[in-house]
């Protein structure tokens, strides 16, 4: 996998892709991310991260069949790869370990 480090926004986008399943296209990702983070997120930022995650091998995409509501246009649907799902599991495991760390009291 290229670039093992996953940034915070990259992680959010990858989580949203996984959550939306076959409805993970850029506009739906933007809406879900805005709703869940309660922040304005540009479609351009979503596209940039989708490209970056694809380059890292963490997601792939396919073009949908034509959609009536879009005047016959197609959507690009994104899917987390096996590596992408593994990266999310690894991040979650680190979060769980960090949440349970108890520092020894300082002596002094």
PDB file of N, CA and C in Angstrom:
ATOM      1  N   UNK A   1       0.857  -1.187   0.000  1.00  0.00           N
ATOM      2  CA  UNK A   1       0.000   0.000   0.000  1.00  0.00           C
ATOM      3  C   UNK A   1       0.890   1.231   0.000  1.00  0.00           C
ATOM      4  N   UNK A   2       0.625   2.145  -0.890  1.00  0.00           N
ATOM      5  CA  UNK A   2       1.352   3.409  -0.936  1.00  0.00           C
ATOM      6  C   UNK A   2       0.900   4.283   0.218  1.00  0.00           C
ATOM      7  N   UNK A   3       1.832   4.995   0.842  1.00  0.00           N
ATOM      8  CA  UNK A   3       1.474   5.964   1.870  1.00  0.00           C
ATOM      9  C   UNK A   3       0.626   5.386   2.979  1.00  0.00           C
ATOM     10  N   UNK A   4       1.237   4.661   3.886  1.00  0.00           N
ATOM     11  CA  UNK A   4       0.501   3.963   4.939  1.00  0.00           C
ATOM     12  C   UNK A   4      -0.243   4.919   5.872  1.00  0.00           C
ATOM     13  N   UNK A   5       0.222   6.158   5.984  1.00  0.00           N
ATOM     14  CA  UNK A   5      -0.424   7.099   6.887  1.00  0.00           C
ATOM     15  C   UNK A   5      -1.761   7.539   6.314  1.00  0.00           C
ATOM     16  N   UNK A   6      -2.768   7.551   7.183  1.00  0.00           N
ATOM     17  CA  UNK A   6      -4.104   7.974   6.787  1.00  0.00           C
ATOM     18  C   UNK A   6      -4.457   9.218   7.586  1.00  0.00           C
ATOM     19  N   UNK A   7      -4.675  10.331   6.910  1.00  0.00           N
ATOM     20  CA  UNK A   7      -5.048  11.568   7.575  1.00  0.00           C
ATOM     21  C   UNK A   7      -6.466  11.505   8.124  1.00  0.00           C
ATOM     22  N   UNK A   8      -6.793  12.438   9.001  1.00  0.00           N
ATOM     23  CA  UNK A   8      -8.105  12.431   9.664  1.00  0.00           C
ATOM     24  C   UNK A   8      -9.255  12.546   8.655  1.00  0.00           C
ATOM     25  N   UNK A   9      -9.140  13.442   7.682  1.00  0.00           N
ATOM     26  CA  UNK A   9     -10.217  13.593   6.706  1.00  0.00           C
ATOM     27  C   UNK A   9     -10.276  12.387   5.782  1.00  0.00           C
ATOM     28  N   UNK A  10      -9.107  11.826   5.448  1.00  0.00           N
ATOM     29  CA  UNK A  10      -9.079  10.610   4.642  1.00  0.00           C
ATOM     30  C   UNK A  10      -9.810   9.482   5.370  1.00  0.00           C
ATOM     31  N   UNK A  11      -9.565   9.375   6.660  1.00  0.00           N
ATOM     32  CA  UNK A  11     -10.249   8.351   7.452  1.00  0.00           C
ATOM     33  C   UNK A  11     -11.761   8.561   7.433  1.00  0.00           C
ATOM     34  N   UNK A  12     -12.209   9.790   7.598  1.00  0.00           N
ATOM     35  CA  UNK A  12     -13.648  10.078   7.572  1.00  0.00           C
ATOM     36  C   UNK A  12     -14.262   9.722   6.228  1.00  0.00           C
ATOM     37  N   UNK A  13     -13.583  10.062   5.149  1.00  0.00           N
ATOM     38  CA  UNK A  13     -14.107   9.758   3.811  1.00  0.00           C
ATOM     39  C   UNK A  13     -14.166   8.247   3.611  1.00  0.00           C
ATOM     40  N   UNK A  14     -13.124   7.533   4.018  1.00  0.00           N
ATOM     41  CA  UNK A  14     -13.108   6.083   3.865  1.00  0.00           C
ATOM     42  C   UNK A  14     -14.201   5.427   4.704  1.00  0.00           C
ATOM     43  N   UNK A  15     -14.419   5.931   5.913  1.00  0.00           N
ATOM     44  CA  UNK A  15     -15.518   5.430   6.744  1.00  0.00           C
ATOM     45  C   UNK A  15     -16.866   5.678   6.083  1.00  0.00           C
ATOM     46  N   UNK A  16     -17.037   6.854   5.504  1.00  0.00           N
ATOM     47  CA  UNK A  16     -18.296   7.185   4.833  1.00  0.00           C
ATOM     48  C   UNK A  16     -18.509   6.301   3.606  1.00  0.00           C
ATOM     49  N   UNK A  17     -17.436   6.036   2.858  1.00  0.00           N
ATOM     50  CA  UNK A  17     -17.541   5.147   1.696  1.00  0.00           C
ATOM     51  C   UNK A  17     -18.024   3.777   2.146  1.00  0.00           C
ATOM     52  N   UNK A  18     -17.431   3.275   3.210  1.00  0.00           N
ATOM     53  CA  UNK A  18     -17.817   1.963   3.709  1.00  0.00           C
ATOM     54  C   UNK A  18     -19.264   1.970   4.208  1.00  0.00           C
ATOM     55  N   UNK A  19     -19.660   3.029   4.884  1.00  0.00           N
ATOM     56  CA  UNK A  19     -21.013   3.103   5.442  1.00  0.00           C
ATOM     57  C   UNK A  19     -22.084   3.213   4.362  1.00  0.00           C
ATOM     58  N   UNK A  20     -21.799   3.956   3.298  1.00  0.00           N
ATOM     59  CA  UNK A  20     -22.795   4.188   2.252  1.00  0.00           C
ATOM     60  C   UNK A  20     -22.912   3.036   1.265  1.00  0.00           C
ATOM     61  N   UNK A  21     -21.972   2.122   1.294  1.00  0.00           N
ATOM     62  CA  UNK A  21     -22.000   0.923   0.460  1.00  0.00           C
ATOM     63  C   UNK A  21     -22.164   1.316  -1.006  1.00  0.00           C
ATOM     64  N   UNK A  22     -23.192   0.838  -1.685  1.00  0.00           N
ATOM     65  CA  UNK A  22     -23.316   1.108  -3.125  1.00  0.00           C
ATOM     66  C   UNK A  22     -23.925   2.479  -3.432  1.00  0.00           C
ATOM     67  N   UNK A  23     -24.081   3.310  -2.421  1.00  0.00           N
ATOM     68  CA  UNK A  23     -24.556   4.685  -2.612  1.00  0.00           C
ATOM     69  C   UNK A  23     -23.439   5.690  -2.355  1.00  0.00           C
ATOM     70  N   UNK A  24     -22.192   5.222  -2.377  1.00  0.00           N
ATOM     71  CA  UNK A  24     -21.047   6.079  -2.071  1.00  0.00           C
ATOM     72  C   UNK A  24     -20.544   6.776  -3.332  1.00  0.00           C
ATOM     73  N   UNK A  25     -21.211   7.851  -3.692  1.00  0.00           N
ATOM     74  CA  UNK A  25     -20.748   8.701  -4.784  1.00  0.00           C
ATOM     75  C   UNK A  25     -20.423  10.061  -4.173  1.00  0.00           C
ATOM     76  N   UNK A  26     -19.709  10.900  -4.870  1.00  0.00           N
ATOM     77  CA  UNK A  26     -19.133  12.100  -4.263  1.00  0.00           C
ATOM     78  C   UNK A  26     -20.155  13.014  -3.582  1.00  0.00           C
ATOM     79  N   UNK A  27     -21.286  13.276  -4.213  1.00  0.00           N
ATOM     80  CA  UNK A  27     -22.274  14.176  -3.606  1.00  0.00           C
ATOM     81  C   UNK A  27     -22.886  13.569  -2.342  1.00  0.00           C
ATOM     82  N   UNK A  28     -23.150  12.260  -2.351  1.00  0.00           N
ATOM     83  CA  UNK A  28     -23.711  11.629  -1.141  1.00  0.00           C
ATOM     84  C   UNK A  28     -22.674  11.616  -0.027  1.00  0.00           C
ATOM     85  N   UNK A  29     -21.419  11.415  -0.384  1.00  0.00           N
ATOM     86  CA  UNK A  29     -20.347  11.453   0.623  1.00  0.00           C
ATOM     87  C   UNK A  29     -20.251  12.840   1.244  1.00  0.00           C
ATOM     88  N   UNK A  30     -20.322  13.876   0.401  1.00  0.00           N
ATOM     89  CA  UNK A  30     -20.272  15.246   0.904  1.00  0.00           C
ATOM     90  C   UNK A  30     -21.411  15.504   1.889  1.00  0.00           C
ATOM     91  N   UNK A  31     -22.624  15.102   1.528  1.00  0.00           N
ATOM     92  CA  UNK A  31     -23.782  15.332   2.405  1.00  0.00           C
ATOM     93  C   UNK A  31     -23.626  14.608   3.746  1.00  0.00           C
ATOM     94  N   UNK A  32     -23.224  13.354   3.711  1.00  0.00           N
ATOM     95  CA  UNK A  32     -23.064  12.580   4.941  1.00  0.00           C
ATOM     96  C   UNK A  32     -21.959  13.174   5.805  1.00  0.00           C
ATOM     97  N   UNK A  33     -20.852  13.535   5.196  1.00  0.00           N
ATOM     98  CA  UNK A  33     -19.742  14.113   5.961  1.00  0.00           C
ATOM     99  C   UNK A  33     -20.124  15.453   6.581  1.00  0.00           C
ATOM    100  N   UNK A  34     -20.851  16.288   5.839  1.00  0.00           N
ATOM    101  CA  UNK A  34     -21.307  17.568   6.400  1.00  0.00           C
ATOM    102  C   UNK A  34     -22.264  17.337   7.561  1.00  0.00           C
ATOM    103  N   UNK A  35     -23.178  16.404   7.388  1.00  0.00           N
ATOM    104  CA  UNK A  35     -24.148  16.130   8.446  1.00  0.00           C
ATOM    105  C   UNK A  35     -23.458  15.586   9.700  1.00  0.00           C
ATOM    106  N   UNK A  36     -22.557  14.645   9.527  1.00  0.00           N
ATOM    107  CA  UNK A  36     -21.943  13.980  10.676  1.00  0.00           C
ATOM    108  C   UNK A  36     -20.851  14.807  11.351  1.00  0.00           C
ATOM    109  N   UNK A  37     -20.145  15.631  10.591  1.00  0.00           N
ATOM    110  CA  UNK A  37     -19.093  16.464  11.196  1.00  0.00           C
ATOM    111  C   UNK A  37     -19.610  17.840  11.605  1.00  0.00           C
ATOM    112  N   UNK A  38     -20.805  18.180  11.094  1.00  0.00           N
ATOM    113  CA  UNK A  38     -21.399  19.503  11.335  1.00  0.00           C
ATOM    114  C   UNK A  38     -20.474  20.629  10.869  1.00  0.00           C
ATOM    115  N   UNK A  39     -19.855  20.376   9.711  1.00  0.00           N
ATOM    116  CA  UNK A  39     -18.963  21.362   9.099  1.00  0.00           C
ATOM    117  C   UNK A  39     -19.248  21.423   7.615  1.00  0.00           C
ATOM    118  N   UNK A  40     -18.992  22.579   7.030  1.00  0.00           N
ATOM    119  CA  UNK A  40     -19.117  22.703   5.574  1.00  0.00           C
ATOM    120  C   UNK A  40     -17.925  22.010   4.933  1.00  0.00           C
ATOM    121  N   UNK A  41     -18.209  21.188   3.936  1.00  0.00           N
ATOM    122  CA  UNK A  41     -17.161  20.444   3.241  1.00  0.00           C
ATOM    123  C   UNK A  41     -17.387  20.635   1.750  1.00  0.00           C
ATOM    124  N   UNK A  42     -16.355  21.079   1.050  1.00  0.00           N
ATOM    125  CA  UNK A  42     -16.506  21.316  -0.384  1.00  0.00           C
ATOM    126  C   UNK A  42     -16.441  19.996  -1.143  1.00  0.00           C
ATOM    127  N   UNK A  43     -17.149  19.970  -2.240  1.00  0.00           N
ATOM    128  CA  UNK A  43     -17.130  18.797  -3.100  1.00  0.00           C
ATOM    129  C   UNK A  43     -15.720  18.568  -3.646  1.00  0.00           C
ATOM    130  N   UNK A  44     -15.006  19.641  -3.875  1.00  0.00           N
ATOM    131  CA  UNK A  44     -13.618  19.535  -4.353  1.00  0.00           C
ATOM    132  C   UNK A  44     -12.724  18.825  -3.358  1.00  0.00           C
ATOM    133  N   UNK A  45     -12.923  19.105  -2.065  1.00  0.00           N
ATOM    134  CA  UNK A  45     -12.132  18.432  -1.028  1.00  0.00           C
ATOM    135  C   UNK A  45     -12.434  16.939  -1.018  1.00  0.00           C
ATOM    136  N   UNK A  46     -13.704  16.586  -1.198  1.00  0.00           N
ATOM    137  CA  UNK A  46     -14.092  15.174  -1.249  1.00  0.00           C
ATOM    138  C   UNK A  46     -13.429  14.500  -2.446  1.00  0.00           C
ATOM    139  N   UNK A  47     -13.476  15.139  -3.609  1.00  0.00           N
ATOM    140  CA  UNK A  47     -12.867  14.571  -4.814  1.00  0.00           C
ATOM    141  C   UNK A  47     -11.363  14.382  -4.637  1.00  0.00           C
ATOM    142  N   UNK A  48     -10.698  15.361  -4.044  1.00  0.00           N
ATOM    143  CA  UNK A  48      -9.257  15.274  -3.825  1.00  0.00           C
ATOM    144  C   UNK A  48      -8.909  14.078  -2.954  1.00  0.00           C
ATOM    145  N   UNK A  49      -9.653  13.891  -1.877  1.00  0.00           N
ATOM    146  CA  UNK A  49      -9.378  12.778  -0.970  1.00  0.00           C
ATOM    147  C   UNK A  49      -9.726  11.441  -1.623  1.00  0.00           C
ATOM    148  N   UNK A  50     -10.805  11.393  -2.394  1.00  0.00           N
ATOM    149  CA  UNK A  50     -11.140  10.154  -3.097  1.00  0.00           C
ATOM    150  C   UNK A  50     -10.006   9.750  -4.042  1.00  0.00           C
ATOM    151  N   UNK A  51      -9.444  10.709  -4.751  1.00  0.00           N
ATOM    152  CA  UNK A  51      -8.317  10.426  -5.643  1.00  0.00           C
ATOM    153  C   UNK A  51      -7.112   9.934  -4.857  1.00  0.00           C
ATOM    154  N   UNK A  52      -6.833  10.587  -3.726  1.00  0.00           N
ATOM    155  CA  UNK A  52      -5.692  10.210  -2.888  1.00  0.00           C
ATOM    156  C   UNK A  52      -5.865   8.802  -2.325  1.00  0.00           C
ATOM    157  N   UNK A  53      -7.083   8.485  -1.858  1.00  0.00           N
ATOM    158  CA  UNK A  53      -7.342   7.143  -1.317  1.00  0.00           C
ATOM    159  C   UNK A  53      -7.231   6.084  -2.412  1.00  0.00           C
ATOM    160  N   UNK A  54      -7.654   6.432  -3.604  1.00  0.00           N
ATOM    161  CA  UNK A  54      -7.501   5.518  -4.727  1.00  0.00           C
ATOM    162  C   UNK A  54      -6.033   5.267  -5.046  1.00  0.00           C
ATOM    163  N   UNK A  55      -5.225   6.324  -5.035  1.00  0.00           N
ATOM    164  CA  UNK A  55      -3.791   6.196  -5.299  1.00  0.00           C
ATOM    165  C   UNK A  55      -3.096   5.353  -4.234  1.00  0.00           C
ATOM    166  N   UNK A  56      -3.616   5.390  -3.009  1.00  0.00           N
ATOM    167  CA  UNK A  56      -3.050   4.590  -1.919  1.00  0.00           C
ATOM    168  C   UNK A  56      -3.547   3.149  -1.947  1.00  0.00           C
ATOM    169  N   UNK A  57      -4.476   2.848  -2.854  1.00  0.00           N
ATOM    170  CA  UNK A  57      -5.013   1.499  -2.967  1.00  0.00           C
ATOM    171  C   UNK A  57      -6.065   1.171  -1.925  1.00  0.00           C
ATOM    172  N   UNK A  58      -6.643   2.208  -1.289  1.00  0.00           N
ATOM    173  CA  UNK A  58      -7.613   1.985  -0.220  1.00  0.00           C
ATOM    174  C   UNK A  58      -9.053   1.979  -0.708  1.00  0.00           C
ATOM    175  N   UNK A  59      -9.260   2.447  -1.923  1.00  0.00           N
ATOM    176  CA  UNK A  59     -10.596   2.341  -2.512  1.00  0.00           C
ATOM    177  C   UNK A  59     -10.481   2.225  -4.011  1.00  0.00           C
ATOM    178  N   UNK A  60     -11.568   1.787  -4.584  1.00  0.00           N
ATOM    179  CA  UNK A  60     -11.676   1.674  -6.035  1.00  0.00           C
ATOM    180  C   UNK A  60     -13.013   2.277  -6.430  1.00  0.00           C
ATOM    181  N   UNK A  61     -13.238   2.425  -7.717  1.00  0.00           N
ATOM    182  CA  UNK A  61     -14.508   3.010  -8.149  1.00  0.00           C
ATOM    183  C   UNK A  61     -14.995   2.323  -9.406  1.00  0.00           C
ATOM    184  N   UNK A  62     -16.287   2.495  -9.645  1.00  0.00           N
ATOM    185  CA  UNK A  62     -16.907   1.981 -10.860  1.00  0.00           C
ATOM    186  C   UNK A  62     -17.993   2.971 -11.268  1.00  0.00           C
ATOM    187  N   UNK A  63     -18.379   2.915 -12.511  1.00  0.00           N
ATOM    188  CA  UNK A  63     -19.407   3.810 -13.021  1.00  0.00           C
ATOM    189  C   UNK A  63     -20.743   3.074 -12.982  1.00  0.00           C
ATOM    190  N   UNK A  64     -21.761   3.755 -12.473  1.00  0.00           N
ATOM    191  CA  UNK A  64     -23.098   3.157 -12.358  1.00  0.00           C
ATOM    192  C   UNK A  64     -23.793   3.121 -13.714  1.00  0.00           C
ATOM    193  N   UNK A  65     -24.906   2.457 -13.724  1.00  0.00           N
ATOM    194  CA  UNK A  65     -25.785   2.499 -14.895  1.00  0.00           C
ATOM    195  C   UNK A  65     -26.382   3.909 -14.982  1.00  0.00           C
ATOM    196  N   UNK A  66     -26.865   4.324 -16.145  1.00  0.00           N
ATOM    197  CA  UNK A  66     -27.502   5.643 -16.255  1.00  0.00           C
ATOM    198  C   UNK A  66     -28.659   5.780 -15.266  1.00  0.00           C
ATOM    199  N   UNK A  67     -28.796   6.979 -14.724  1.00  0.00           N
ATOM    200  CA  UNK A  67     -29.802   7.243 -13.695  1.00  0.00           C
ATOM    201  C   UNK A  67     -30.821   8.243 -14.243  1.00  0.00           C
ATOM    202  N   UNK A  68     -32.105   7.889 -14.189  1.00  0.00           N
ATOM    203  CA  UNK A  68     -33.161   8.751 -14.727  1.00  0.00           C
ATOM    204  C   UNK A  68     -33.146  10.136 -14.114  1.00  0.00           C
ATOM    205  N   UNK A  69     -32.990  10.225 -12.787  1.00  0.00           N
ATOM    206  CA  UNK A  69     -33.042  11.522 -12.118  1.00  0.00           C
ATOM    207  C   UNK A  69     -31.884  12.437 -12.509  1.00  0.00           C
ATOM    208  N   UNK A  70     -30.869  11.870 -13.136  1.00  0.00           N
ATOM    209  CA  UNK A  70     -29.724  12.672 -13.577  1.00  0.00           C
ATOM    210  C   UNK A  70     -29.741  12.853 -15.090  1.00  0.00           C
ATOM    211  N   UNK A  71     -30.902  12.702 -15.703  1.00  0.00           N
ATOM    212  CA  UNK A  71     -31.004  12.874 -17.147  1.00  0.00           C
ATOM    213  C   UNK A  71     -30.214  11.829 -17.926  1.00  0.00           C
ATOM    214  N   UNK A  72     -30.122  10.641 -17.351  1.00  0.00           N
ATOM    215  CA  UNK A  72     -29.402   9.560 -18.024  1.00  0.00           C
ATOM    216  C   UNK A  72     -27.917   9.532 -17.746  1.00  0.00           C
ATOM    217  N   UNK A  73     -27.430  10.447 -16.911  1.00  0.00           N
ATOM    218  CA  UNK A  73     -25.999  10.463 -16.585  1.00  0.00           C
ATOM    219  C   UNK A  73     -25.675   9.348 -15.590  1.00  0.00           C
ATOM    220  N   UNK A  74     -24.431   9.015 -15.518  1.00  0.00           N
ATOM    221  CA  UNK A  74     -23.968   7.962 -14.620  1.00  0.00           C
ATOM    222  C   UNK A  74     -23.292   8.567 -13.394  1.00  0.00           C
ATOM    223  N   UNK A  75     -23.165   7.762 -12.347  1.00  0.00           N
ATOM    224  CA  UNK A  75     -22.445   8.180 -11.141  1.00  0.00           C
ATOM    225  C   UNK A  75     -21.202   7.314 -10.995  1.00  0.00           C
ATOM    226  N   UNK A  76     -20.156   7.892 -10.406  1.00  0.00           N
ATOM    227  CA  UNK A  76     -18.986   7.112 -10.043  1.00  0.00           C
ATOM    228  C   UNK A  76     -19.190   6.661  -8.604  1.00  0.00           C
ATOM    229  N   UNK A  77     -19.251   5.351  -8.398  1.00  0.00           N
ATOM    230  CA  UNK A  77     -19.475   4.761  -7.086  1.00  0.00           C
ATOM    231  C   UNK A  77     -18.131   4.297  -6.533  1.00  0.00           C
ATOM    232  N   UNK A  78     -17.870   4.608  -5.276  1.00  0.00           N
ATOM    233  CA  UNK A  78     -16.605   4.254  -4.629  1.00  0.00           C
ATOM    234  C   UNK A  78     -16.816   3.095  -3.664  1.00  0.00           C
ATOM    235  N   UNK A  79     -15.812   2.214  -3.595  1.00  0.00           N
ATOM    236  CA  UNK A  79     -15.869   1.029  -2.746  1.00  0.00           C
ATOM    237  C   UNK A  79     -14.527   0.888  -2.037  1.00  0.00           C
ATOM    238  N   UNK A  80     -14.568   0.637  -0.727  1.00  0.00           N
ATOM    239  CA  UNK A  80     -13.336   0.394   0.030  1.00  0.00           C
ATOM    240  C   UNK A  80     -12.752  -0.946  -0.399  1.00  0.00           C
ATOM    241  N   UNK A  81     -11.454  -0.983  -0.632  1.00  0.00           N
ATOM    242  CA  UNK A  81     -10.777  -2.229  -0.971  1.00  0.00           C
ATOM    243  C   UNK A  81     -10.502  -3.021   0.300  1.00  0.00           C
ATOM    244  N   UNK A  82      -9.992  -4.225   0.128  1.00  0.00           N
ATOM    245  CA  UNK A  82      -9.597  -5.040   1.286  1.00  0.00           C
ATOM    246  C   UNK A  82      -8.563  -4.280   2.120  1.00  0.00           C
ATOM    247  N   UNK A  83      -7.631  -3.613   1.447  1.00  0.00           N
ATOM    248  CA  UNK A  83      -6.611  -2.825   2.141  1.00  0.00           C
ATOM    249  C   UNK A  83      -7.236  -1.644   2.881  1.00  0.00           C
ATOM    250  N   UNK A  84      -8.252  -1.043   2.270  1.00  0.00           N
ATOM    251  CA  UNK A  84      -8.946   0.078   2.911  1.00  0.00           C
ATOM    252  C   UNK A  84      -9.672  -0.358   4.168  1.00  0.00           C
ATOM    253  N   UNK A  85     -10.361  -1.494   4.091  1.00  0.00           N
ATOM    254  CA  UNK A  85     -11.059  -2.016   5.275  1.00  0.00           C
ATOM    255  C   UNK A  85     -10.068  -2.400   6.361  1.00  0.00           C
ATOM    256  N   UNK A  86      -8.924  -2.965   5.964  1.00  0.00           N
ATOM    257  CA  UNK A  86      -7.885  -3.333   6.937  1.00  0.00           C
ATOM    258  C   UNK A  86      -7.307  -2.082   7.603  1.00  0.00           C
ATOM    259  N   UNK A  87      -7.115  -1.017   6.828  1.00  0.00           N
ATOM    260  CA  UNK A  87      -6.593   0.233   7.393  1.00  0.00           C
ATOM    261  C   UNK A  87      -7.558   0.788   8.443  1.00  0.00           C
ATOM    262  N   UNK A  88      -8.860   0.731   8.167  1.00  0.00           N
ATOM    263  CA  UNK A  88      -9.844   1.206   9.144  1.00  0.00           C
ATOM    264  C   UNK A  88      -9.834   0.350  10.405  1.00  0.00           C
ATOM    265  N   UNK A  89      -9.688  -0.964  10.256  1.00  0.00           N
ATOM    266  CA  UNK A  89      -9.607  -1.850  11.427  1.00  0.00           C
ATOM    267  C   UNK A  89      -8.368  -1.529  12.257  1.00  0.00           C
ATOM    268  N   UNK A  90      -7.239  -1.303  11.574  1.00  0.00           N
ATOM    269  CA  UNK A  90      -5.994  -0.970  12.276  1.00  0.00           C
ATOM    270  C   UNK A  90      -6.131   0.335  13.055  1.00  0.00           C
ATOM    271  N   UNK A  91      -6.727   1.333  12.438  1.00  0.00           N
ATOM    272  CA  UNK A  91      -6.915   2.622  13.110  1.00  0.00           C
ATOM    273  C   UNK A  91      -7.822   2.456  14.324  1.00  0.00           C
ATOM    274  N   UNK A  92      -8.876   1.686  14.174  1.00  0.00           N
ATOM    275  CA  UNK A  92      -9.794   1.459  15.285  1.00  0.00           C
ATOM    276  C   UNK A  92      -9.089   0.735  16.429  1.00  0.00           C
ATOM    277  N   UNK A  93      -8.241  -0.231  16.107  1.00  0.00           N
ATOM    278  CA  UNK A  93      -7.499  -0.961  17.141  1.00  0.00           C
ATOM    279  C   UNK A  93      -6.563  -0.025  17.898  1.00  0.00           C
ATOM    280  N   UNK A  94      -5.908   0.882  17.196  1.00  0.00           N
ATOM    281  CA  UNK A  94      -5.026   1.855  17.853  1.00  0.00           C
ATOM    282  C   UNK A  94      -5.837   2.761  18.772  1.00  0.00           C
ATOM    283  N   UNK A  95      -6.991   3.218  18.305  1.00  0.00           N
ATOM    284  CA  UNK A  95      -7.850   4.075  19.133  1.00  0.00           C
ATOM    285  C   UNK A  95      -8.264   3.353  20.416  1.00  0.00           C
ATOM    286  N   UNK A  96      -8.645   2.085  20.277  1.00  0.00           N
ATOM    287  CA  UNK A  96      -9.055   1.309  21.457  1.00  0.00           C
ATOM    288  C   UNK A  96      -7.899   1.129  22.435  1.00  0.00           C
ATOM    289  N   UNK A  97      -6.708   0.840  21.914  1.00  0.00           N
ATOM    290  CA  UNK A  97      -5.536   0.703  22.800  1.00  0.00           C
ATOM    291  C   UNK A  97      -5.229   2.013  23.502  1.00  0.00           C
ATOM    292  N   UNK A  98      -5.259   3.106  22.763  1.00  0.00           N
ATOM    293  CA  UNK A  98      -4.963   4.412  23.356  1.00  0.00           C
ATOM    294  C   UNK A  98      -5.993   4.793  24.413  1.00  0.00           C
ATOM    295  N   UNK A  99      -7.239   4.401  24.199  1.00  0.00           N
ATOM    296  CA  UNK A  99      -8.293   4.733  25.156  1.00  0.00           C
ATOM    297  C   UNK A  99      -8.120   4.004  26.482  1.00  0.00           C
ATOM    298  N   UNK A 100      -7.371   2.929  26.481  1.00  0.00           N
ATOM    299  CA  UNK A 100      -7.203   2.153  27.712  1.00  0.00           C
ATOM    300  C   UNK A 100      -5.878   2.372  28.406  1.00  0.00           C
ATOM    301  N   UNK A 101      -5.036   3.221  27.856  1.00  0.00           N
ATOM    302  CA  UNK A 101      -3.733   3.481  28.476  1.00  0.00           C
ATOM    303  C   UNK A 101      -3.931   4.211  29.804  1.00  0.00           C
ATOM    304  N   UNK A 102      -3.304   3.717  30.807  1.00  0.00           N
ATOM    305  CA  UNK A 102      -3.295   4.377  32.107  1.00  0.00           C
ATOM    306  C   UNK A 102      -1.847   4.652  32.478  1.00  0.00           C
ATOM    307  N   UNK A 103      -1.541   5.901  32.606  1.00  0.00           N
ATOM    308  CA  UNK A 103      -0.178   6.282  32.941  1.00  0.00           C
ATOM    309  C   UNK A 103       0.079   6.056  34.416  1.00  0.00           C
ATOM    310  N   UNK A 104       1.271   5.603  34.723  1.00  0.00           N
ATOM    311  CA  UNK A 104       1.659   5.453  36.128  1.00  0.00           C
ATOM    312  C   UNK A 104       1.806   6.843  36.733  1.00  0.00           C
ATOM    313  N   UNK A 105       1.415   7.002  38.002  1.00  0.00           N
ATOM    314  CA  UNK A 105       1.566   8.310  38.637  1.00  0.00           C
ATOM    315  C   UNK A 105       3.027   8.728  38.695  1.00  0.00           C
ATOM    316  N   UNK A 106       3.265  10.010  38.567  1.00  0.00           N
ATOM    317  CA  UNK A 106       4.636  10.528  38.643  1.00  0.00           C
ATOM    318  C   UNK A 106       5.095  10.530  40.098  1.00  0.00           C
ATOM    319  N   UNK A 107       6.305  10.191  40.243  1.00  0.00           N
ATOM    320  CA  UNK A 107       6.903  10.266  41.598  1.00  0.00           C
ATOM    321  C   UNK A 107       7.782  11.494  41.631  1.00  0.00           C
ATOM    322  N   UNK A 108       7.677  12.149  42.687  1.00  0.00           N
ATOM    323  CA  UNK A 108       8.472  13.314  42.588  1.00  0.00           C
ATOM    324  C   UNK A 108       8.753  14.119  43.697  1.00  0.00           C
TER     325      UNK A 108
END
